[in-house]
Amino acid sequence: MALVIAFMPMTANADWQPVEIIKTYSITGTSGAQLYDSIGERGPLLGPKVRAIAHTDFKLTWTRKYEPRPDGACTITVNIPKLVITYTLPKPAGRLPAQTRSSWQKFIAGVEAHERVHGGYIKDMVKEIEAMSVGFSVPDDPKCSRIRVELTKRLGEISKKERQRNVDFDKVEFSDGGNLQQLVLKLVREE
């Protein structure tokens, strides 16, 4: 028997808003080059030996209500996300000389703007999940167990697409002449 998935006409909860938090880690130095070296020593770890300038992470939980229907189907009738996005950015520990401070302000504004693009991709992903799962229904599922398996498959596909968007964006930003590469060069040269 083929599994037929249905979507009941329901609306997404447009009232939710993500919580966005900025965390900092301390770096040292009085020149752009010293600050960048400190980022390399203290930046967020992305692997055993790979450090980043900054990082965007998130925690996503859902309030969902799965309701068995008289026809034996199970439908999601409530689907409210709770999204917390955390941006981790470097912050100089001490006072910077005027020229370095000016370069730093341009650098960190560009880095934060970059990270907020990643945050935007996360918000887009949550909206896509919400849109596809509000009213999501699986037939012949009176105990609402098959619906969770089907939902998980679809969420995996959406999540994979979001991760690829981030990879593609970073490739462009860090490429020769890319925005982040230029930000780093200008910081180190104190432009």
C-alpha atoms as a PDB file:
ATOM      1  CA  MET A   1       0.000   0.000   0.000  1.00  0.00           C
ATOM      2  CA  ALA A   2       1.396   3.421  -0.968  1.00  0.00           C
ATOM      3  CA  LEU A   3       1.651   6.098   1.680  1.00  0.00           C
ATOM      4  CA  VAL A   4      -0.380   9.176   0.777  1.00  0.00           C
ATOM      5  CA  ILE A   5       0.504  12.313   2.687  1.00  0.00           C
ATOM      6  CA  ALA A   6      -2.028  15.116   2.884  1.00  0.00           C
ATOM      7  CA  PHE A   7      -1.852  18.737   3.932  1.00  0.00           C
ATOM      8  CA  MET A   8      -4.899  20.098   5.681  1.00  0.00           C
ATOM      9  CA  PRO A   9      -5.555  23.813   5.087  1.00  0.00           C
ATOM     10  CA  MET A  10      -4.307  25.490   8.255  1.00  0.00           C
ATOM     11  CA  THR A  11      -2.287  28.612   8.803  1.00  0.00           C
ATOM     12  CA  ALA A  12       1.187  29.049  10.187  1.00  0.00           C
ATOM     13  CA  ASN A  13       1.686  30.937  13.427  1.00  0.00           C
ATOM     14  CA  ALA A  14       2.950  34.310  12.194  1.00  0.00           C
ATOM     15  CA  ASP A  15       3.350  35.615  15.762  1.00  0.00           C
ATOM     16  CA  TRP A  16       6.589  33.869  16.650  1.00  0.00           C
ATOM     17  CA  GLN A  17       9.837  35.788  16.615  1.00  0.00           C
ATOM     18  CA  PRO A  18      13.350  34.395  16.976  1.00  0.00           C
ATOM     19  CA  VAL A  19      15.479  35.385  19.937  1.00  0.00           C
ATOM     20  CA  GLU A  20      18.885  36.614  18.769  1.00  0.00           C
ATOM     21  CA  ILE A  21      21.829  36.685  21.178  1.00  0.00           C
ATOM     22  CA  ILE A  22      25.321  38.072  20.636  1.00  0.00           C
ATOM     23  CA  LYS A  23      28.106  36.356  22.586  1.00  0.00           C
ATOM     24  CA  THR A  24      31.665  37.597  22.451  1.00  0.00           C
ATOM     25  CA  TYR A  25      35.042  36.057  23.047  1.00  0.00           C
ATOM     26  CA  SER A  26      37.992  38.130  24.154  1.00  0.00           C
ATOM     27  CA  ILE A  27      40.935  38.863  21.877  1.00  0.00           C
ATOM     28  CA  THR A  28      44.099  40.868  22.521  1.00  0.00           C
ATOM     29  CA  GLY A  29      46.334  43.185  20.554  1.00  0.00           C
ATOM     30  CA  THR A  30      46.716  46.830  19.629  1.00  0.00           C
ATOM     31  CA  SER A  31      47.111  46.474  15.863  1.00  0.00           C
ATOM     32  CA  GLY A  32      44.886  44.898  13.245  1.00  0.00           C
ATOM     33  CA  ALA A  33      47.436  42.132  12.644  1.00  0.00           C
ATOM     34  CA  GLN A  34      47.669  41.349  16.369  1.00  0.00           C
ATOM     35  CA  LEU A  35      43.888  41.271  16.706  1.00  0.00           C
ATOM     36  CA  TYR A  36      43.599  38.891  13.756  1.00  0.00           C
ATOM     37  CA  ASP A  37      46.339  36.639  15.202  1.00  0.00           C
ATOM     38  CA  SER A  38      44.418  36.564  18.484  1.00  0.00           C
ATOM     39  CA  ILE A  39      41.248  35.578  16.609  1.00  0.00           C
ATOM     40  CA  GLY A  40      43.227  32.673  15.146  1.00  0.00           C
ATOM     41  CA  GLU A  41      44.224  31.579  18.639  1.00  0.00           C
ATOM     42  CA  ARG A  42      40.885  32.117  20.408  1.00  0.00           C
ATOM     43  CA  GLY A  43      38.119  31.959  17.800  1.00  0.00           C
ATOM     44  CA  PRO A  44      35.278  29.432  18.023  1.00  0.00           C
ATOM     45  CA  LEU A  45      36.355  25.891  17.203  1.00  0.00           C
ATOM     46  CA  LEU A  46      34.661  24.382  14.157  1.00  0.00           C
ATOM     47  CA  GLY A  47      36.661  21.180  14.312  1.00  0.00           C
ATOM     48  CA  PRO A  48      39.601  19.762  16.249  1.00  0.00           C
ATOM     49  CA  LYS A  49      42.045  22.318  14.791  1.00  0.00           C
ATOM     50  CA  VAL A  50      39.879  24.735  12.819  1.00  0.00           C
ATOM     51  CA  ARG A  51      39.016  28.094  14.308  1.00  0.00           C
ATOM     52  CA  ALA A  52      36.586  30.621  12.874  1.00  0.00           C
ATOM     53  CA  ILE A  53      36.460  34.390  13.119  1.00  0.00           C
ATOM     54  CA  ALA A  54      32.823  34.179  14.217  1.00  0.00           C
ATOM     55  CA  HIS A  55      30.074  31.591  14.363  1.00  0.00           C
ATOM     56  CA  THR A  56      26.287  31.417  14.176  1.00  0.00           C
ATOM     57  CA  ASP A  57      24.505  28.638  16.024  1.00  0.00           C
ATOM     58  CA  PHE A  58      20.887  27.995  16.870  1.00  0.00           C
ATOM     59  CA  LYS A  59      18.570  26.014  19.084  1.00  0.00           C
ATOM     60  CA  LEU A  60      15.176  25.139  17.647  1.00  0.00           C
ATOM     61  CA  THR A  61      12.346  23.491  19.551  1.00  0.00           C
ATOM     62  CA  TRP A  62       8.715  23.075  18.619  1.00  0.00           C
ATOM     63  CA  THR A  63       5.387  22.965  20.379  1.00  0.00           C
ATOM     64  CA  ARG A  64       3.425  20.525  18.228  1.00  0.00           C
ATOM     65  CA  LYS A  65       0.089  18.851  18.638  1.00  0.00           C
ATOM     66  CA  TYR A  66      -0.503  15.628  16.751  1.00  0.00           C
ATOM     67  CA  GLU A  67      -4.204  14.793  16.491  1.00  0.00           C
ATOM     68  CA  PRO A  68      -5.685  11.477  15.406  1.00  0.00           C
ATOM     69  CA  ARG A  69      -8.600  12.006  13.013  1.00  0.00           C
ATOM     70  CA  PRO A  70     -11.845   9.990  12.808  1.00  0.00           C
ATOM     71  CA  ASP A  71     -10.706   8.594   9.442  1.00  0.00           C
ATOM     72  CA  GLY A  72      -7.548   7.097  11.059  1.00  0.00           C
ATOM     73  CA  ALA A  73      -5.172   9.787   9.832  1.00  0.00           C
ATOM     74  CA  CYS A  74      -2.913  11.835  12.096  1.00  0.00           C
ATOM     75  CA  THR A  75      -2.558  15.568  11.534  1.00  0.00           C
ATOM     76  CA  ILE A  76      -0.342  18.265  13.033  1.00  0.00           C
ATOM     77  CA  THR A  77      -2.770  20.912  14.289  1.00  0.00           C
ATOM     78  CA  VAL A  78      -0.406  23.064  16.358  1.00  0.00           C
ATOM     79  CA  ASN A  79       3.129  23.811  15.256  1.00  0.00           C
ATOM     80  CA  ILE A  80       4.877  26.707  17.010  1.00  0.00           C
ATOM     81  CA  PRO A  81       8.646  27.168  16.764  1.00  0.00           C
ATOM     82  CA  LYS A  82      10.925  28.530  19.455  1.00  0.00           C
ATOM     83  CA  LEU A  83      14.156  29.670  17.819  1.00  0.00           C
ATOM     84  CA  VAL A  84      17.230  31.038  19.580  1.00  0.00           C
ATOM     85  CA  ILE A  85      20.069  32.188  17.302  1.00  0.00           C
ATOM     86  CA  THR A  86      23.442  32.849  18.906  1.00  0.00           C
ATOM     87  CA  TYR A  87      26.099  34.885  17.130  1.00  0.00           C
ATOM     88  CA  THR A  88      29.621  34.493  18.551  1.00  0.00           C
ATOM     89  CA  LEU A  89      31.880  37.423  17.674  1.00  0.00           C
ATOM     90  CA  PRO A  90      35.377  38.559  18.694  1.00  0.00           C
ATOM     91  CA  LYS A  91      35.797  41.556  20.997  1.00  0.00           C
ATOM     92  CA  PRO A  92      39.069  43.325  21.851  1.00  0.00           C
ATOM     93  CA  ALA A  93      39.881  43.103  25.564  1.00  0.00           C
ATOM     94  CA  GLY A  94      41.620  46.474  25.710  1.00  0.00           C
ATOM     95  CA  ARG A  95      41.423  49.970  24.324  1.00  0.00           C
ATOM     96  CA  LEU A  96      42.592  50.297  20.732  1.00  0.00           C
ATOM     97  CA  PRO A  97      44.592  53.116  19.141  1.00  0.00           C
ATOM     98  CA  ALA A  98      42.428  55.401  16.979  1.00  0.00           C
ATOM     99  CA  GLN A  99      43.412  53.997  13.566  1.00  0.00           C
ATOM    100  CA  THR A 100      43.129  50.393  14.724  1.00  0.00           C
ATOM    101  CA  ARG A 101      39.779  51.167  16.372  1.00  0.00           C
ATOM    102  CA  SER A 102      38.458  52.582  13.094  1.00  0.00           C
ATOM    103  CA  SER A 103      39.646  49.522  11.139  1.00  0.00           C
ATOM    104  CA  TRP A 104      38.246  47.228  13.823  1.00  0.00           C
ATOM    105  CA  GLN A 105      34.812  48.863  13.731  1.00  0.00           C
ATOM    106  CA  LYS A 106      34.574  48.366   9.958  1.00  0.00           C
ATOM    107  CA  PHE A 107      35.814  44.788  10.282  1.00  0.00           C
ATOM    108  CA  ILE A 108      33.441  43.742  13.064  1.00  0.00           C
ATOM    109  CA  ALA A 109      30.452  45.421  11.378  1.00  0.00           C
ATOM    110  CA  GLY A 110      31.179  43.385   8.229  1.00  0.00           C
ATOM    111  CA  VAL A 111      31.675  40.161  10.200  1.00  0.00           C
ATOM    112  CA  GLU A 112      28.414  40.674  12.089  1.00  0.00           C
ATOM    113  CA  ALA A 113      26.573  41.401   8.820  1.00  0.00           C
ATOM    114  CA  HIS A 114      28.005  38.150   7.423  1.00  0.00           C
ATOM    115  CA  GLU A 115      26.842  36.165  10.452  1.00  0.00           C
ATOM    116  CA  ARG A 116      23.373  37.707  10.238  1.00  0.00           C
ATOM    117  CA  VAL A 117      23.061  36.323   6.711  1.00  0.00           C
ATOM    118  CA  HIS A 118      23.577  32.877   8.263  1.00  0.00           C
ATOM    119  CA  GLY A 119      20.934  33.805  10.842  1.00  0.00           C
ATOM    120  CA  GLY A 120      18.586  34.754   8.006  1.00  0.00           C
ATOM    121  CA  TYR A 121      19.081  31.334   6.421  1.00  0.00           C
ATOM    122  CA  ILE A 122      18.156  29.727   9.736  1.00  0.00           C
ATOM    123  CA  LYS A 123      14.979  31.850   9.963  1.00  0.00           C
ATOM    124  CA  ASP A 124      14.097  30.912   6.379  1.00  0.00           C
ATOM    125  CA  MET A 125      14.554  27.233   7.237  1.00  0.00           C
ATOM    126  CA  VAL A 126      12.239  27.516  10.255  1.00  0.00           C
ATOM    127  CA  LYS A 127       9.592  29.271   8.166  1.00  0.00           C
ATOM    128  CA  GLU A 128       9.851  26.534   5.538  1.00  0.00           C
ATOM    129  CA  ILE A 129       9.514  23.828   8.197  1.00  0.00           C
ATOM    130  CA  GLU A 130       6.543  25.620   9.683  1.00  0.00           C
ATOM    131  CA  ALA A 131       4.833  26.048   6.310  1.00  0.00           C
ATOM    132  CA  MET A 132       5.285  22.415   5.297  1.00  0.00           C
ATOM    133  CA  SER A 133       4.280  20.939   8.629  1.00  0.00           C
ATOM    134  CA  VAL A 134       1.219  22.974   9.575  1.00  0.00           C
ATOM    135  CA  GLY A 135      -1.644  20.687   8.604  1.00  0.00           C
ATOM    136  CA  PHE A 136       0.735  17.851   7.668  1.00  0.00           C
ATOM    137  CA  SER A 137      -1.242  14.621   7.748  1.00  0.00           C
ATOM    138  CA  VAL A 138      -0.482  10.917   7.354  1.00  0.00           C
ATOM    139  CA  PRO A 139      -3.298   8.438   6.638  1.00  0.00           C
ATOM    140  CA  ASP A 140      -3.816   5.227   8.587  1.00  0.00           C
ATOM    141  CA  ASP A 141      -1.851   6.503  11.580  1.00  0.00           C
ATOM    142  CA  PRO A 142      -4.287   6.446  14.531  1.00  0.00           C
ATOM    143  CA  LYS A 143      -1.427   6.371  17.093  1.00  0.00           C
ATOM    144  CA  CYS A 144       0.410   9.268  15.405  1.00  0.00           C
ATOM    145  CA  SER A 145       3.672   7.360  15.093  1.00  0.00           C
ATOM    146  CA  ARG A 146       4.172   7.212  11.312  1.00  0.00           C
ATOM    147  CA  ILE A 147       3.686  10.956  11.002  1.00  0.00           C
ATOM    148  CA  ARG A 148       6.792  11.561  13.119  1.00  0.00           C
ATOM    149  CA  VAL A 149       8.906   9.372  10.822  1.00  0.00           C
ATOM    150  CA  GLU A 150       7.583  11.136   7.712  1.00  0.00           C
ATOM    151  CA  LEU A 151       8.059  14.559   9.272  1.00  0.00           C
ATOM    152  CA  THR A 152      11.643  13.726  10.255  1.00  0.00           C
ATOM    153  CA  LYS A 153      12.457  12.762   6.655  1.00  0.00           C
ATOM    154  CA  ARG A 154      11.176  16.082   5.356  1.00  0.00           C
ATOM    155  CA  LEU A 155      12.913  18.064   8.089  1.00  0.00           C
ATOM    156  CA  GLY A 156      16.195  16.372   7.167  1.00  0.00           C
ATOM    157  CA  GLU A 157      15.796  17.504   3.552  1.00  0.00           C
ATOM    158  CA  ILE A 158      15.057  21.087   4.581  1.00  0.00           C
ATOM    159  CA  SER A 159      17.981  21.134   7.014  1.00  0.00           C
ATOM    160  CA  LYS A 160      20.355  19.765   4.373  1.00  0.00           C
ATOM    161  CA  LYS A 161      19.290  22.538   1.991  1.00  0.00           C
ATOM    162  CA  GLU A 162      19.934  25.187   4.686  1.00  0.00           C
ATOM    163  CA  ARG A 163      23.429  23.793   5.399  1.00  0.00           C
ATOM    164  CA  GLN A 164      24.250  23.879   1.682  1.00  0.00           C
ATOM    165  CA  ARG A 165      23.149  27.529   1.438  1.00  0.00           C
ATOM    166  CA  ASN A 166      25.586  28.348   4.246  1.00  0.00           C
ATOM    167  CA  VAL A 167      28.447  26.465   2.578  1.00  0.00           C
ATOM    168  CA  ASP A 168      27.790  28.178  -0.756  1.00  0.00           C
ATOM    169  CA  PHE A 169      27.629  31.605   0.901  1.00  0.00           C
ATOM    170  CA  ASP A 170      30.896  31.074   2.787  1.00  0.00           C
ATOM    171  CA  LYS A 171      32.646  29.903  -0.397  1.00  0.00           C
ATOM    172  CA  VAL A 172      31.819  33.219  -2.055  1.00  0.00           C
ATOM    173  CA  GLU A 173      32.617  35.332   1.025  1.00  0.00           C
ATOM    174  CA  PHE A 174      36.020  33.699   1.614  1.00  0.00           C
ATOM    175  CA  SER A 175      37.022  33.376  -2.045  1.00  0.00           C
ATOM    176  CA  ASP A 176      39.738  35.535  -3.625  1.00  0.00           C
ATOM    177  CA  GLY A 177      38.340  39.045  -3.556  1.00  0.00           C
ATOM    178  CA  GLY A 178      35.376  37.928  -1.458  1.00  0.00           C
ATOM    179  CA  ASN A 179      33.843  40.163   1.192  1.00  0.00           C
ATOM    180  CA  LEU A 180      35.350  38.447   4.248  1.00  0.00           C
ATOM    181  CA  GLN A 181      38.742  38.102   2.641  1.00  0.00           C
ATOM    182  CA  GLN A 182      38.666  41.857   1.971  1.00  0.00           C
ATOM    183  CA  LEU A 183      37.579  42.613   5.539  1.00  0.00           C
ATOM    184  CA  VAL A 184      40.522  40.635   6.917  1.00  0.00           C
ATOM    185  CA  LEU A 185      43.014  42.304   4.576  1.00  0.00           C
ATOM    186  CA  LYS A 186      41.757  45.778   5.481  1.00  0.00           C
ATOM    187  CA  LEU A 187      41.946  44.985   9.202  1.00  0.00           C
ATOM    188  CA  VAL A 188      45.489  43.642   8.991  1.00  0.00           C
ATOM    189  CA  ARG A 189      46.566  46.644   6.862  1.00  0.00           C
ATOM    190  CA  GLU A 190      44.550  48.950   9.150  1.00  0.00           C
ATOM    191  CA  GLU A 191      42.727  50.583   6.244  1.00  0.00           C
END
